[in-house]
Protein backbone atom coordinates (compact mmCIF):
# COMPACT_ATOMS: atom_id res chain seq x y z
CA MET A 1 7.12 -51.48 -85.71
CA SER A 2 7.67 -52.83 -81.83
CA ASN A 3 10.99 -52.03 -80.32
CA LEU A 4 10.58 -55.57 -78.52
CA ILE A 5 13.41 -57.86 -79.05
CA SER A 6 12.79 -61.21 -80.55
CA ARG A 7 13.62 -64.72 -78.50
CA ARG A 8 15.36 -65.71 -81.63
CA THR A 9 17.69 -62.18 -81.13
CA VAL A 10 18.40 -63.03 -77.70
CA ALA A 11 19.66 -66.96 -78.42
CA LYS A 12 21.56 -65.72 -80.81
CA GLY A 13 23.41 -63.13 -79.15
CA ALA A 14 23.43 -65.46 -76.05
CA ALA A 15 25.47 -67.80 -78.01
CA TRP A 16 28.12 -65.14 -78.73
CA SER A 17 28.24 -63.68 -75.52
CA VAL A 18 28.06 -66.49 -73.29
CA PRO A 19 31.52 -67.93 -72.40
CA ALA A 20 31.91 -71.52 -73.09
CA VAL A 21 32.08 -73.49 -70.13
CA VAL A 22 34.87 -77.13 -70.93
CA VAL A 23 34.37 -79.71 -68.12
CA ALA A 24 37.28 -82.11 -68.07
CA SER A 25 36.48 -85.60 -67.16
CA ALA A 26 39.54 -88.00 -66.42
CA THR A 27 40.34 -90.67 -69.26
CA PRO A 28 39.90 -94.09 -67.88
CA ALA A 29 43.33 -95.77 -67.54
CA PHE A 30 41.59 -98.36 -69.31
CA ALA A 31 42.10 -96.23 -72.08
CA VAL A 32 45.20 -95.57 -72.06
CA SER A 33 46.71 -99.59 -70.75
CA GLY A 34 44.47 -101.60 -72.30
CA PRO A 35 42.05 -104.19 -70.99
CA LYS A 36 42.88 -105.78 -67.75
CA PRO A 37 44.87 -109.10 -68.02
CA THR A 38 42.47 -112.62 -67.66
CA VAL A 39 44.20 -114.95 -65.13
CA THR A 40 42.73 -118.81 -64.51
CA TYR A 41 43.94 -121.79 -62.14
CA ASP A 42 45.22 -124.60 -64.64
CA GLY A 43 46.13 -127.27 -62.79
CA ALA A 44 48.40 -128.50 -59.50
CA CYS A 45 50.58 -131.43 -59.02
CA LYS A 46 52.54 -133.01 -55.86
CA PHE A 47 56.02 -133.72 -55.75
CA PRO A 48 56.61 -136.83 -53.97
CA GLY A 49 60.33 -137.55 -52.27
CA SER A 50 62.86 -135.67 -53.96
CA ASN A 51 61.76 -134.90 -57.56
CA CYS A 52 61.62 -132.73 -60.42
CA LYS A 53 65.29 -133.14 -61.34
CA GLY A 54 65.95 -132.80 -57.53
CA ARG A 55 64.69 -129.56 -56.94
CA VAL A 56 61.68 -130.14 -55.45
CA PHE A 57 61.66 -132.44 -52.17
CA GLN A 58 58.24 -133.22 -51.05
CA GLY A 59 56.19 -130.71 -51.80
CA TYR A 60 53.46 -129.48 -54.79
CA GLY A 61 53.34 -127.23 -57.85
CA LEU A 62 50.22 -124.80 -58.92
CA VAL A 63 49.58 -123.34 -62.15
CA PHE A 64 47.78 -120.52 -64.11
CA ASP A 65 47.13 -119.77 -67.54
CA VAL A 66 47.90 -115.67 -68.36
CA LYS A 67 46.07 -113.95 -70.89
CA ASN A 68 47.21 -110.24 -72.18
CA ASN A 69 44.16 -109.09 -73.65
CA ASP A 70 45.54 -105.93 -74.78
CA PRO A 71 45.91 -106.41 -78.95
CA ASP A 72 48.87 -103.54 -78.68
CA ASN A 73 50.73 -103.81 -75.90
CA ALA A 74 53.05 -106.29 -73.85
CA ILE A 75 52.29 -106.11 -70.28
CA TYR A 76 53.97 -107.89 -67.47
CA PHE A 77 53.36 -109.64 -64.40
CA CYS A 78 54.81 -109.02 -61.54
CA SER A 79 55.40 -110.87 -57.71
CA PRO A 80 52.07 -112.41 -57.44
CA VAL A 81 51.08 -113.85 -54.00
CA LEU A 82 48.59 -116.76 -53.05
CA SER A 83 47.43 -116.57 -49.97
CA ASN A 84 44.52 -117.55 -47.54
CA ILE A 85 45.31 -120.95 -47.77
CA GLU A 86 42.73 -123.05 -46.44
CA PRO A 87 42.89 -125.55 -44.76
CA ALA A 88 45.85 -123.66 -43.26
CA ASP A 89 48.25 -126.42 -42.50
CA THR A 90 47.33 -127.76 -46.02
CA PHE A 91 51.44 -127.73 -46.90
CA GLY A 92 53.00 -128.44 -43.55
CA GLY A 93 53.81 -124.69 -43.06
CA GLY A 94 55.36 -124.32 -46.35
CA THR A 95 54.63 -120.98 -47.83
CA PRO A 96 53.73 -121.15 -51.49
CA GLN A 97 56.42 -119.36 -53.47
CA TRP A 98 56.08 -117.91 -57.28
CA THR A 99 58.96 -118.68 -59.08
CA PRO A 100 60.04 -116.24 -61.97
CA PRO A 101 61.64 -117.40 -64.81
CA ALA A 102 65.59 -118.54 -64.18
CA GLY A 103 67.74 -115.61 -65.15
CA GLY A 104 64.99 -113.76 -65.39
CA SER A 105 63.71 -110.19 -64.46
CA GLY A 106 61.37 -110.94 -61.94
CA CYS A 107 58.55 -110.68 -64.22
CA VAL A 108 56.85 -112.94 -66.42
CA LYS A 109 56.58 -110.75 -69.77
CA VAL A 110 53.38 -111.51 -72.08
CA ASP A 111 53.30 -109.98 -75.61
CA ALA A 112 49.99 -108.06 -76.76
CA GLY A 113 47.40 -111.04 -77.26
CA GLN A 114 49.24 -113.90 -76.31
CA SER A 115 49.02 -116.15 -73.28
CA GLY A 116 51.87 -117.84 -70.53
CA LYS A 117 51.87 -119.14 -67.52
CA LEU A 118 52.66 -118.57 -64.04
CA TYR A 119 53.83 -121.64 -61.47
CA PHE A 120 54.58 -121.70 -58.12
CA PHE A 121 56.01 -124.33 -56.17
CA ILE A 122 55.67 -125.79 -52.26
CA THR A 123 59.27 -127.37 -50.93
CA ASN A 124 59.99 -129.05 -48.10
CA THR A 125 56.48 -129.49 -46.59
CA GLY A 126 57.90 -132.70 -44.84
CA ASN A 127 54.71 -134.36 -46.72
CA SER A 128 53.83 -134.68 -50.58
CA GLN A 129 50.26 -136.03 -49.86
CA GLN A 130 46.93 -136.01 -52.04
CA THR A 131 45.57 -132.69 -51.38
CA ASN A 132 42.45 -130.60 -51.84
CA PHE A 133 42.49 -126.64 -51.10
CA THR A 134 41.22 -123.21 -51.41
CA GLY A 135 42.91 -119.99 -52.08
CA THR A 136 43.50 -116.34 -53.28
CA LEU A 137 45.94 -115.13 -56.09
CA THR A 138 46.93 -111.82 -56.46
CA VAL A 139 49.34 -110.54 -59.64
CA GLN A 140 50.51 -107.63 -59.78
CA TRP A 141 50.50 -106.23 -63.24
CA GLY A 142 51.67 -103.51 -65.77
CA HIS A 143 53.85 -101.86 -69.20
CA LYS A 144 56.95 -102.10 -67.33
CA CYS A 145 59.12 -103.99 -65.10
CA PRO A 146 59.03 -104.17 -62.13
CA CYS A 147 55.26 -103.44 -62.10
CA SER A 148 55.73 -100.74 -59.32
CA SER A 149 57.45 -98.42 -61.92
CA ASP A 150 54.63 -98.25 -64.36
CA THR A 151 52.86 -95.23 -64.22
CA HIS A 152 49.27 -96.72 -64.95
CA HIS A 153 49.13 -98.25 -61.62
CA HIS A 154 47.06 -101.00 -62.18
CA ASP A 155 44.57 -102.73 -59.97
CA ALA A 156 46.00 -106.43 -59.59
CA VAL A 157 44.20 -109.20 -60.84
CA VAL A 158 42.67 -111.15 -58.03
CA VAL A 159 41.72 -115.06 -58.47
CA ASP A 160 40.26 -117.31 -55.95
CA VAL A 161 41.51 -120.82 -56.27
CA ALA A 162 40.09 -124.64 -55.11
CA VAL A 163 42.57 -126.99 -55.96
CA THR A 164 40.49 -130.19 -56.20
CA GLY A 165 43.84 -132.50 -56.29
CA THR A 166 47.52 -133.14 -56.68
CA PRO A 167 48.33 -135.96 -58.65
CA PRO A 168 51.73 -136.86 -59.45
CA HIS A 169 53.16 -134.41 -61.67
CA GLY A 170 49.52 -133.27 -63.14
CA ALA A 171 49.76 -130.21 -64.92
CA CYS A 172 53.22 -129.49 -63.37
CA GLN A 173 55.99 -129.11 -65.76
CA CYS A 174 59.57 -129.73 -64.92
CA ASP A 175 61.03 -127.08 -66.95
CA SER A 176 64.34 -126.07 -66.07
CA ASP A 177 63.26 -122.18 -66.33
CA PHE A 178 60.65 -122.62 -63.82
CA ILE A 179 61.89 -124.79 -60.92
CA PRO A 180 63.37 -123.91 -58.26
CA ALA A 181 66.76 -123.24 -57.60
């Protein structure tokens, strides 16, 4: 009989004697918070003179569709910003301002699996001629309002926008919930 230890015996002993090493990996925020929403440009319009219930004077409106791709949880869109407008003098010095729903919290809630709208108005431009321009929309989002209180700290949704016309009233609605006060 041999005094040699078989490889099988060594392997069995090693399995019980070597401490287990657990490697923790970070779970992506996506797994906890759901998929990133989708934001798409829907259209633009111009408001010549004093229009839209007298609240938009010589200005423009832009509309974006927002889609909550999470089938289980509501999300909020907060403080969208339209920037990098080219040509820079498109609005006669006016700055695009996001218009939250009247009486709202400053966020737009979109229920699980649903869609909603974001509206921008540029008013008092001194002109409301037909125009074309490009820009960048940046939208913060989260599961709480304000979005800054959401512990998941989602990356903003960034969308390049190419406006190829601003017909009178076009895609814009003079919905009292969204027109500037």
